[in-house]
């Protein structure tokens, strides 16, 4: 869905080699619109990629959490679900 290295490399070519003079480059991707911002003057060309957020929602299914704890060998403090499952430990 997202290839950060290729996105930054493409922005670098646009800014450094092809004369893109705006402070922001936007790319359409399967993850949505990705913005690469020039953080410093053009001659330095430090670029920052704004990654899309995928906030998780708390998992409350006790059976799922129990099975996950068995698989991981320890019980997580919290489990969140977005595209992927995130187990949070102390």
PDB file of N, CA and C in Angstrom:
ATOM      1  N   UNK A   1       0.813  -1.212   0.000  1.00  0.00           N
ATOM      2  CA  UNK A   1       0.000   0.000   0.000  1.00  0.00           C
ATOM      3  C   UNK A   1       0.848   1.264   0.000  1.00  0.00           C
ATOM      4  N   UNK A   2       2.071   1.154   0.532  1.00  0.00           N
ATOM      5  CA  UNK A   2       2.898   2.345   0.682  1.00  0.00           C
ATOM      6  C   UNK A   2       4.359   1.948   0.582  1.00  0.00           C
ATOM      7  N   UNK A   3       5.120   2.697  -0.198  1.00  0.00           N
ATOM      8  CA  UNK A   3       6.564   2.477  -0.279  1.00  0.00           C
ATOM      9  C   UNK A   3       7.233   3.805   0.021  1.00  0.00           C
ATOM     10  N   UNK A   4       7.574   4.005   1.285  1.00  0.00           N
ATOM     11  CA  UNK A   4       8.132   5.273   1.733  1.00  0.00           C
ATOM     12  C   UNK A   4       9.441   5.641   1.065  1.00  0.00           C
ATOM     13  N   UNK A   5      10.323   4.653   0.882  1.00  0.00           N
ATOM     14  CA  UNK A   5      11.615   4.942   0.258  1.00  0.00           C
ATOM     15  C   UNK A   5      11.436   5.450  -1.171  1.00  0.00           C
ATOM     16  N   UNK A   6      10.572   4.801  -1.931  1.00  0.00           N
ATOM     17  CA  UNK A   6      10.345   5.225  -3.312  1.00  0.00           C
ATOM     18  C   UNK A   6       9.659   6.586  -3.364  1.00  0.00           C
ATOM     19  N   UNK A   7       8.774   6.848  -2.431  1.00  0.00           N
ATOM     20  CA  UNK A   7       8.091   8.144  -2.385  1.00  0.00           C
ATOM     21  C   UNK A   7       9.093   9.258  -2.106  1.00  0.00           C
ATOM     22  N   UNK A   8       9.951   9.047  -1.107  1.00  0.00           N
ATOM     23  CA  UNK A   8      10.980  10.055  -0.806  1.00  0.00           C
ATOM     24  C   UNK A   8      11.966  10.219  -1.951  1.00  0.00           C
ATOM     25  N   UNK A   9      12.348   9.115  -2.580  1.00  0.00           N
ATOM     26  CA  UNK A   9      13.279   9.189  -3.711  1.00  0.00           C
ATOM     27  C   UNK A   9      12.659   9.972  -4.868  1.00  0.00           C
ATOM     28  N   UNK A  10      11.389   9.747  -5.125  1.00  0.00           N
ATOM     29  CA  UNK A  10      10.703  10.470  -6.198  1.00  0.00           C
ATOM     30  C   UNK A  10      10.635  11.963  -5.893  1.00  0.00           C
ATOM     31  N   UNK A  11      10.327  12.294  -4.651  1.00  0.00           N
ATOM     32  CA  UNK A  11      10.293  13.705  -4.250  1.00  0.00           C
ATOM     33  C   UNK A  11      11.683  14.322  -4.373  1.00  0.00           C
ATOM     34  N   UNK A  12      12.715  13.582  -3.994  1.00  0.00           N
ATOM     35  CA  UNK A  12      14.091  14.069  -4.105  1.00  0.00           C
ATOM     36  C   UNK A  12      14.424  14.412  -5.561  1.00  0.00           C
ATOM     37  N   UNK A  13      14.067  13.529  -6.483  1.00  0.00           N
ATOM     38  CA  UNK A  13      14.352  13.780  -7.901  1.00  0.00           C
ATOM     39  C   UNK A  13      13.606  15.028  -8.369  1.00  0.00           C
ATOM     40  N   UNK A  14      12.345  15.146  -7.982  1.00  0.00           N
ATOM     41  CA  UNK A  14      11.571  16.316  -8.391  1.00  0.00           C
ATOM     42  C   UNK A  14      12.190  17.612  -7.868  1.00  0.00           C
ATOM     43  N   UNK A  15      12.550  17.626  -6.586  1.00  0.00           N
ATOM     44  CA  UNK A  15      13.064  18.835  -5.943  1.00  0.00           C
ATOM     45  C   UNK A  15      14.503  19.136  -6.358  1.00  0.00           C
ATOM     46  N   UNK A  16      15.337  18.137  -6.282  1.00  0.00           N
ATOM     47  CA  UNK A  16      16.778  18.341  -6.459  1.00  0.00           C
ATOM     48  C   UNK A  16      17.218  18.374  -7.923  1.00  0.00           C
ATOM     49  N   UNK A  17      16.536  17.621  -8.783  1.00  0.00           N
ATOM     50  CA  UNK A  17      17.012  17.479 -10.160  1.00  0.00           C
ATOM     51  C   UNK A  17      16.074  18.052 -11.222  1.00  0.00           C
ATOM     52  N   UNK A  18      14.784  18.168 -10.915  1.00  0.00           N
ATOM     53  CA  UNK A  18      13.832  18.622 -11.928  1.00  0.00           C
ATOM     54  C   UNK A  18      13.240  19.999 -11.631  1.00  0.00           C
ATOM     55  N   UNK A  19      13.732  20.679 -10.590  1.00  0.00           N
ATOM     56  CA  UNK A  19      13.351  22.066 -10.345  1.00  0.00           C
ATOM     57  C   UNK A  19      12.018  22.311  -9.661  1.00  0.00           C
ATOM     58  N   UNK A  20      11.449  21.304  -9.010  1.00  0.00           N
ATOM     59  CA  UNK A  20      10.190  21.518  -8.271  1.00  0.00           C
ATOM     60  C   UNK A  20      10.463  22.550  -7.192  1.00  0.00           C
ATOM     61  N   UNK A  21       9.764  23.701  -7.246  1.00  0.00           N
ATOM     62  CA  UNK A  21      10.087  24.779  -6.315  1.00  0.00           C
ATOM     63  C   UNK A  21       9.019  25.034  -5.264  1.00  0.00           C
ATOM     64  N   UNK A  22       7.994  24.225  -5.237  1.00  0.00           N
ATOM     65  CA  UNK A  22       6.961  24.380  -4.201  1.00  0.00           C
ATOM     66  C   UNK A  22       7.401  23.651  -2.935  1.00  0.00           C
ATOM     67  N   UNK A  23       6.882  24.050  -1.775  1.00  0.00           N
ATOM     68  CA  UNK A  23       7.319  23.411  -0.529  1.00  0.00           C
ATOM     69  C   UNK A  23       6.728  22.017  -0.293  1.00  0.00           C
ATOM     70  N   UNK A  24       5.729  21.618  -1.086  1.00  0.00           N
ATOM     71  CA  UNK A  24       5.054  20.341  -0.864  1.00  0.00           C
ATOM     72  C   UNK A  24       4.872  19.605  -2.180  1.00  0.00           C
ATOM     73  N   UNK A  25       5.160  18.301  -2.163  1.00  0.00           N
ATOM     74  CA  UNK A  25       4.888  17.415  -3.295  1.00  0.00           C
ATOM     75  C   UNK A  25       3.838  16.421  -2.815  1.00  0.00           C
ATOM     76  N   UNK A  26       2.803  16.210  -3.608  1.00  0.00           N
ATOM     77  CA  UNK A  26       1.756  15.255  -3.236  1.00  0.00           C
ATOM     78  C   UNK A  26       1.733  14.114  -4.242  1.00  0.00           C
ATOM     79  N   UNK A  27       1.636  12.907  -3.695  1.00  0.00           N
ATOM     80  CA  UNK A  27       1.571  11.706  -4.522  1.00  0.00           C
ATOM     81  C   UNK A  27       0.270  10.968  -4.226  1.00  0.00           C
ATOM     82  N   UNK A  28      -0.384  10.478  -5.268  1.00  0.00           N
ATOM     83  CA  UNK A  28      -1.566   9.631  -5.098  1.00  0.00           C
ATOM     84  C   UNK A  28      -1.071   8.194  -4.930  1.00  0.00           C
ATOM     85  N   UNK A  29      -1.567   7.511  -3.901  1.00  0.00           N
ATOM     86  CA  UNK A  29      -1.163   6.127  -3.655  1.00  0.00           C
ATOM     87  C   UNK A  29      -2.369   5.322  -3.196  1.00  0.00           C
ATOM     88  N   UNK A  30      -2.177   4.022  -3.053  1.00  0.00           N
ATOM     89  CA  UNK A  30      -3.264   3.179  -2.530  1.00  0.00           C
ATOM     90  C   UNK A  30      -3.543   3.492  -1.067  1.00  0.00           C
ATOM     91  N   UNK A  31      -2.611   4.191  -0.396  1.00  0.00           N
ATOM     92  CA  UNK A  31      -2.817   4.610   0.991  1.00  0.00           C
ATOM     93  C   UNK A  31      -3.458   5.992   1.069  1.00  0.00           C
ATOM     94  N   UNK A  32      -3.785   6.563  -0.063  1.00  0.00           N
ATOM     95  CA  UNK A  32      -4.331   7.910  -0.112  1.00  0.00           C
ATOM     96  C   UNK A  32      -3.253   8.882  -0.579  1.00  0.00           C
ATOM     97  N   UNK A  33      -3.509  10.165  -0.405  1.00  0.00           N
ATOM     98  CA  UNK A  33      -2.553  11.185  -0.823  1.00  0.00           C
ATOM     99  C   UNK A  33      -1.425  11.259   0.198  1.00  0.00           C
ATOM    100  N   UNK A  34      -0.186  11.157  -0.299  1.00  0.00           N
ATOM    101  CA  UNK A  34       0.993  11.248   0.556  1.00  0.00           C
ATOM    102  C   UNK A  34       1.683  12.566   0.273  1.00  0.00           C
ATOM    103  N   UNK A  35       1.957  13.323   1.323  1.00  0.00           N
ATOM    104  CA  UNK A  35       2.633  14.600   1.173  1.00  0.00           C
ATOM    105  C   UNK A  35       4.083  14.506   1.594  1.00  0.00           C
ATOM    106  N   UNK A  36       4.958  15.050   0.757  1.00  0.00           N
ATOM    107  CA  UNK A  36       6.381  15.167   1.098  1.00  0.00           C
ATOM    108  C   UNK A  36       6.683  16.659   1.120  1.00  0.00           C
ATOM    109  N   UNK A  37       7.123  17.122   2.274  1.00  0.00           N
ATOM    110  CA  UNK A  37       7.365  18.545   2.466  1.00  0.00           C
ATOM    111  C   UNK A  37       8.859  18.834   2.525  1.00  0.00           C
ATOM    112  N   UNK A  38       9.249  19.914   1.872  1.00  0.00           N
ATOM    113  CA  UNK A  38      10.637  20.354   1.958  1.00  0.00           C
ATOM    114  C   UNK A  38      10.771  21.117   3.268  1.00  0.00           C
ATOM    115  N   UNK A  39      11.587  20.586   4.169  1.00  0.00           N
ATOM    116  CA  UNK A  39      11.715  21.140   5.513  1.00  0.00           C
ATOM    117  C   UNK A  39      12.757  22.255   5.570  1.00  0.00           C
ATOM    118  N   UNK A  40      13.607  22.322   4.574  1.00  0.00           N
ATOM    119  CA  UNK A  40      14.697  23.285   4.579  1.00  0.00           C
ATOM    120  C   UNK A  40      14.838  23.883   3.180  1.00  0.00           C
ATOM    121  N   UNK A  41      15.722  24.867   3.018  1.00  0.00           N
ATOM    122  CA  UNK A  41      15.893  25.474   1.693  1.00  0.00           C
ATOM    123  C   UNK A  41      16.212  24.447   0.616  1.00  0.00           C
ATOM    124  N   UNK A  42      15.903  24.810  -0.622  1.00  0.00           N
ATOM    125  CA  UNK A  42      16.038  23.878  -1.746  1.00  0.00           C
ATOM    126  C   UNK A  42      17.442  23.300  -1.875  1.00  0.00           C
ATOM    127  N   UNK A  43      18.479  24.089  -1.581  1.00  0.00           N
ATOM    128  CA  UNK A  43      19.831  23.581  -1.755  1.00  0.00           C
ATOM    129  C   UNK A  43      20.174  22.469  -0.771  1.00  0.00           C
ATOM    130  N   UNK A  44      19.493  22.438   0.392  1.00  0.00           N
ATOM    131  CA  UNK A  44      19.694  21.352   1.359  1.00  0.00           C
ATOM    132  C   UNK A  44      18.753  20.189   1.030  1.00  0.00           C
ATOM    133  N   UNK A  45      17.537  20.515   0.622  1.00  0.00           N
ATOM    134  CA  UNK A  45      16.517  19.553   0.185  1.00  0.00           C
ATOM    135  C   UNK A  45      16.215  18.464   1.210  1.00  0.00           C
ATOM    136  N   UNK A  46      16.147  18.823   2.491  1.00  0.00           N
ATOM    137  CA  UNK A  46      15.696  17.854   3.495  1.00  0.00           C
ATOM    138  C   UNK A  46      14.201  17.666   3.325  1.00  0.00           C
ATOM    139  N   UNK A  47      13.785  16.421   3.141  1.00  0.00           N
ATOM    140  CA  UNK A  47      12.389  16.113   2.851  1.00  0.00           C
ATOM    141  C   UNK A  47      11.778  15.298   3.983  1.00  0.00           C
ATOM    142  N   UNK A  48      10.507  15.567   4.249  1.00  0.00           N
ATOM    143  CA  UNK A  48       9.789  14.867   5.313  1.00  0.00           C
ATOM    144  C   UNK A  48       8.513  14.277   4.723  1.00  0.00           C
ATOM    145  N   UNK A  49       8.342  12.969   4.894  1.00  0.00           N
ATOM    146  CA  UNK A  49       7.150  12.272   4.404  1.00  0.00           C
ATOM    147  C   UNK A  49       6.140  12.158   5.535  1.00  0.00           C
ATOM    148  N   UNK A  50       4.928  12.603   5.273  1.00  0.00           N
ATOM    149  CA  UNK A  50       3.844  12.514   6.249  1.00  0.00           C
ATOM    150  C   UNK A  50       3.113  11.195   6.021  1.00  0.00           C
ATOM    151  N   UNK A  51       3.408  10.210   6.877  1.00  0.00           N
ATOM    152  CA  UNK A  51       2.791   8.892   6.737  1.00  0.00           C
ATOM    153  C   UNK A  51       1.331   8.928   7.188  1.00  0.00           C
ATOM    154  N   UNK A  52       0.464   8.165   6.524  1.00  0.00           N
ATOM    155  CA  UNK A  52      -0.937   8.106   6.957  1.00  0.00           C
ATOM    156  C   UNK A  52      -1.058   7.372   8.287  1.00  0.00           C
ATOM    157  N   UNK A  53      -1.995   7.792   9.094  1.00  0.00           N
ATOM    158  CA  UNK A  53      -2.233   7.159  10.390  1.00  0.00           C
ATOM    159  C   UNK A  53      -3.305   6.082  10.251  1.00  0.00           C
ATOM    160  N   UNK A  54      -3.127   5.034  10.999  1.00  0.00           N
ATOM    161  CA  UNK A  54      -4.139   3.976  11.081  1.00  0.00           C
ATOM    162  C   UNK A  54      -4.425   3.738  12.558  1.00  0.00           C
ATOM    163  N   UNK A  55      -5.205   4.606  13.168  1.00  0.00           N
ATOM    164  CA  UNK A  55      -5.463   4.449  14.605  1.00  0.00           C
ATOM    165  C   UNK A  55      -6.190   3.143  14.894  1.00  0.00           C
ATOM    166  N   UNK A  56      -5.741   2.469  15.933  1.00  0.00           N
ATOM    167  CA  UNK A  56      -6.369   1.217  16.329  1.00  0.00           C
ATOM    168  C   UNK A  56      -7.510   1.443  17.303  1.00  0.00           C
ATOM    169  N   UNK A  57      -8.411   0.473  17.331  1.00  0.00           N
ATOM    170  CA  UNK A  57      -9.486   0.501  18.322  1.00  0.00           C
ATOM    171  C   UNK A  57      -9.239  -0.639  19.309  1.00  0.00           C
ATOM    172  N   UNK A  58      -9.561  -0.416  20.575  1.00  0.00           N
ATOM    173  CA  UNK A  58      -9.322  -1.443  21.589  1.00  0.00           C
ATOM    174  C   UNK A  58     -10.099  -2.730  21.291  1.00  0.00           C
ATOM    175  N   UNK A  59      -9.428  -3.863  21.480  1.00  0.00           N
ATOM    176  CA  UNK A  59     -10.059  -5.179  21.320  1.00  0.00           C
ATOM    177  C   UNK A  59     -10.607  -5.589  22.684  1.00  0.00           C
ATOM    178  N   UNK A  60     -11.865  -5.976  22.729  1.00  0.00           N
ATOM    179  CA  UNK A  60     -12.487  -6.370  23.991  1.00  0.00           C
ATOM    180  C   UNK A  60     -12.873  -7.848  24.025  1.00  0.00           C
ATOM    181  N   UNK A  61     -12.652  -8.550  22.933  1.00  0.00           N
ATOM    182  CA  UNK A  61     -12.993  -9.966  22.849  1.00  0.00           C
ATOM    183  C   UNK A  61     -12.014 -10.778  23.704  1.00  0.00           C
ATOM    184  N   UNK A  62     -12.461 -11.197  24.874  1.00  0.00           N
ATOM    185  CA  UNK A  62     -11.616 -11.917  25.826  1.00  0.00           C
ATOM    186  C   UNK A  62     -11.017 -13.187  25.266  1.00  0.00           C
ATOM    187  N   UNK A  63     -11.781 -13.932  24.472  1.00  0.00           N
ATOM    188  CA  UNK A  63     -11.271 -15.181  23.894  1.00  0.00           C
ATOM    189  C   UNK A  63     -10.121 -14.889  22.927  1.00  0.00           C
ATOM    190  N   UNK A  64     -10.249 -13.823  22.138  1.00  0.00           N
ATOM    191  CA  UNK A  64      -9.185 -13.454  21.210  1.00  0.00           C
ATOM    192  C   UNK A  64      -7.934 -13.038  21.983  1.00  0.00           C
ATOM    193  N   UNK A  65      -8.117 -12.241  23.024  1.00  0.00           N
ATOM    194  CA  UNK A  65      -6.977 -11.780  23.826  1.00  0.00           C
ATOM    195  C   UNK A  65      -6.302 -12.960  24.515  1.00  0.00           C
ATOM    196  N   UNK A  66      -7.088 -13.902  25.025  1.00  0.00           N
ATOM    197  CA  UNK A  66      -6.517 -15.104  25.654  1.00  0.00           C
ATOM    198  C   UNK A  66      -5.675 -15.901  24.651  1.00  0.00           C
ATOM    199  N   UNK A  67      -6.221 -16.102  23.442  1.00  0.00           N
ATOM    200  CA  UNK A  67      -5.497 -16.855  22.414  1.00  0.00           C
ATOM    201  C   UNK A  67      -4.221 -16.117  22.000  1.00  0.00           C
ATOM    202  N   UNK A  68      -4.300 -14.805  21.902  1.00  0.00           N
ATOM    203  CA  UNK A  68      -3.129 -14.005  21.547  1.00  0.00           C
ATOM    204  C   UNK A  68      -2.064 -14.107  22.637  1.00  0.00           C
ATOM    205  N   UNK A  69      -2.483 -14.042  23.893  1.00  0.00           N
ATOM    206  CA  UNK A  69      -1.542 -14.150  25.014  1.00  0.00           C
ATOM    207  C   UNK A  69      -0.848 -15.518  25.011  1.00  0.00           C
ATOM    208  N   UNK A  70      -1.600 -16.571  24.721  1.00  0.00           N
ATOM    209  CA  UNK A  70      -0.989 -17.905  24.637  1.00  0.00           C
ATOM    210  C   UNK A  70       0.033 -17.954  23.498  1.00  0.00           C
ATOM    211  N   UNK A  71      -0.323 -17.386  22.365  1.00  0.00           N
ATOM    212  CA  UNK A  71       0.574 -17.409  21.203  1.00  0.00           C
ATOM    213  C   UNK A  71       1.836 -16.581  21.444  1.00  0.00           C
ATOM    214  N   UNK A  72       1.692 -15.485  22.169  1.00  0.00           N
ATOM    215  CA  UNK A  72       2.833 -14.595  22.413  1.00  0.00           C
ATOM    216  C   UNK A  72       3.640 -14.999  23.642  1.00  0.00           C
ATOM    217  N   UNK A  73       3.049 -15.822  24.491  1.00  0.00           N
ATOM    218  CA  UNK A  73       3.749 -16.255  25.695  1.00  0.00           C
ATOM    219  C   UNK A  73       3.688 -15.253  26.836  1.00  0.00           C
ATOM    220  N   UNK A  74       2.898 -14.227  26.704  1.00  0.00           N
ATOM    221  CA  UNK A  74       2.711 -13.221  27.762  1.00  0.00           C
ATOM    222  C   UNK A  74       1.420 -12.466  27.458  1.00  0.00           C
ATOM    223  N   UNK A  75       0.800 -11.965  28.520  1.00  0.00           N
ATOM    224  CA  UNK A  75      -0.470 -11.246  28.357  1.00  0.00           C
ATOM    225  C   UNK A  75      -0.203  -9.759  28.111  1.00  0.00           C
ATOM    226  N   UNK A  76      -0.712  -9.236  26.987  1.00  0.00           N
ATOM    227  CA  UNK A  76      -0.523  -7.809  26.723  1.00  0.00           C
ATOM    228  C   UNK A  76      -1.387  -6.961  27.652  1.00  0.00           C
ATOM    229  N   UNK A  77      -0.901  -5.776  27.912  1.00  0.00           N
ATOM    230  CA  UNK A  77      -1.657  -4.807  28.728  1.00  0.00           C
ATOM    231  C   UNK A  77      -2.876  -4.327  27.953  1.00  0.00           C
ATOM    232  N   UNK A  78      -2.714  -4.230  26.618  1.00  0.00           N
ATOM    233  CA  UNK A  78      -3.782  -3.722  25.762  1.00  0.00           C
ATOM    234  C   UNK A  78      -3.593  -4.319  24.368  1.00  0.00           C
ATOM    235  N   UNK A  79      -4.711  -4.520  23.673  1.00  0.00           N
ATOM    236  CA  UNK A  79      -4.664  -5.007  22.295  1.00  0.00           C
ATOM    237  C   UNK A  79      -5.491  -4.040  21.452  1.00  0.00           C
ATOM    238  N   UNK A  80      -4.892  -3.591  20.339  1.00  0.00           N
ATOM    239  CA  UNK A  80      -5.562  -2.665  19.433  1.00  0.00           C
ATOM    240  C   UNK A  80      -5.657  -3.304  18.054  1.00  0.00           C
ATOM    241  N   UNK A  81      -6.749  -2.993  17.346  1.00  0.00           N
ATOM    242  CA  UNK A  81      -6.962  -3.548  16.007  1.00  0.00           C
ATOM    243  C   UNK A  81      -7.160  -2.416  15.015  1.00  0.00           C
ATOM    244  N   UNK A  82      -6.367  -2.387  13.981  1.00  0.00           N
ATOM    245  CA  UNK A  82      -6.559  -1.518  12.820  1.00  0.00           C
ATOM    246  C   UNK A  82      -6.449  -2.441  11.622  1.00  0.00           C
ATOM    247  N   UNK A  83      -5.571  -2.143  10.673  1.00  0.00           N
ATOM    248  CA  UNK A  83      -5.317  -3.104   9.602  1.00  0.00           C
ATOM    249  C   UNK A  83      -4.627  -4.326  10.175  1.00  0.00           C
ATOM    250  N   UNK A  84      -3.765  -4.097  11.178  1.00  0.00           N
ATOM    251  CA  UNK A  84      -3.022  -5.159  11.862  1.00  0.00           C
ATOM    252  C   UNK A  84      -3.417  -5.147  13.324  1.00  0.00           C
ATOM    253  N   UNK A  85      -3.012  -6.172  14.051  1.00  0.00           N
ATOM    254  CA  UNK A  85      -3.232  -6.254  15.490  1.00  0.00           C
ATOM    255  C   UNK A  85      -1.986  -5.792  16.200  1.00  0.00           C
ATOM    256  N   UNK A  86      -2.146  -4.939  17.210  1.00  0.00           N
ATOM    257  CA  UNK A  86      -1.037  -4.423  17.989  1.00  0.00           C
ATOM    258  C   UNK A  86      -1.215  -4.848  19.436  1.00  0.00           C
ATOM    259  N   UNK A  87      -0.227  -5.576  19.971  1.00  0.00           N
ATOM    260  CA  UNK A  87      -0.236  -5.978  21.372  1.00  0.00           C
ATOM    261  C   UNK A  87       0.698  -5.044  22.128  1.00  0.00           C
ATOM    262  N   UNK A  88       0.192  -4.378  23.159  1.00  0.00           N
ATOM    263  CA  UNK A  88       0.954  -3.411  23.943  1.00  0.00           C
ATOM    264  C   UNK A  88       1.329  -4.057  25.278  1.00  0.00           C
ATOM    265  N   UNK A  89       2.616  -4.022  25.576  1.00  0.00           N
ATOM    266  CA  UNK A  89       3.125  -4.586  26.835  1.00  0.00           C
ATOM    267  C   UNK A  89       3.709  -3.481  27.691  1.00  0.00           C
ATOM    268  N   UNK A  90       3.816  -3.747  28.985  1.00  0.00           N
ATOM    269  CA  UNK A  90       4.450  -2.772  29.890  1.00  0.00           C
ATOM    270  C   UNK A  90       5.862  -2.522  29.475  1.00  0.00           C
TER     271      UNK A  90
END
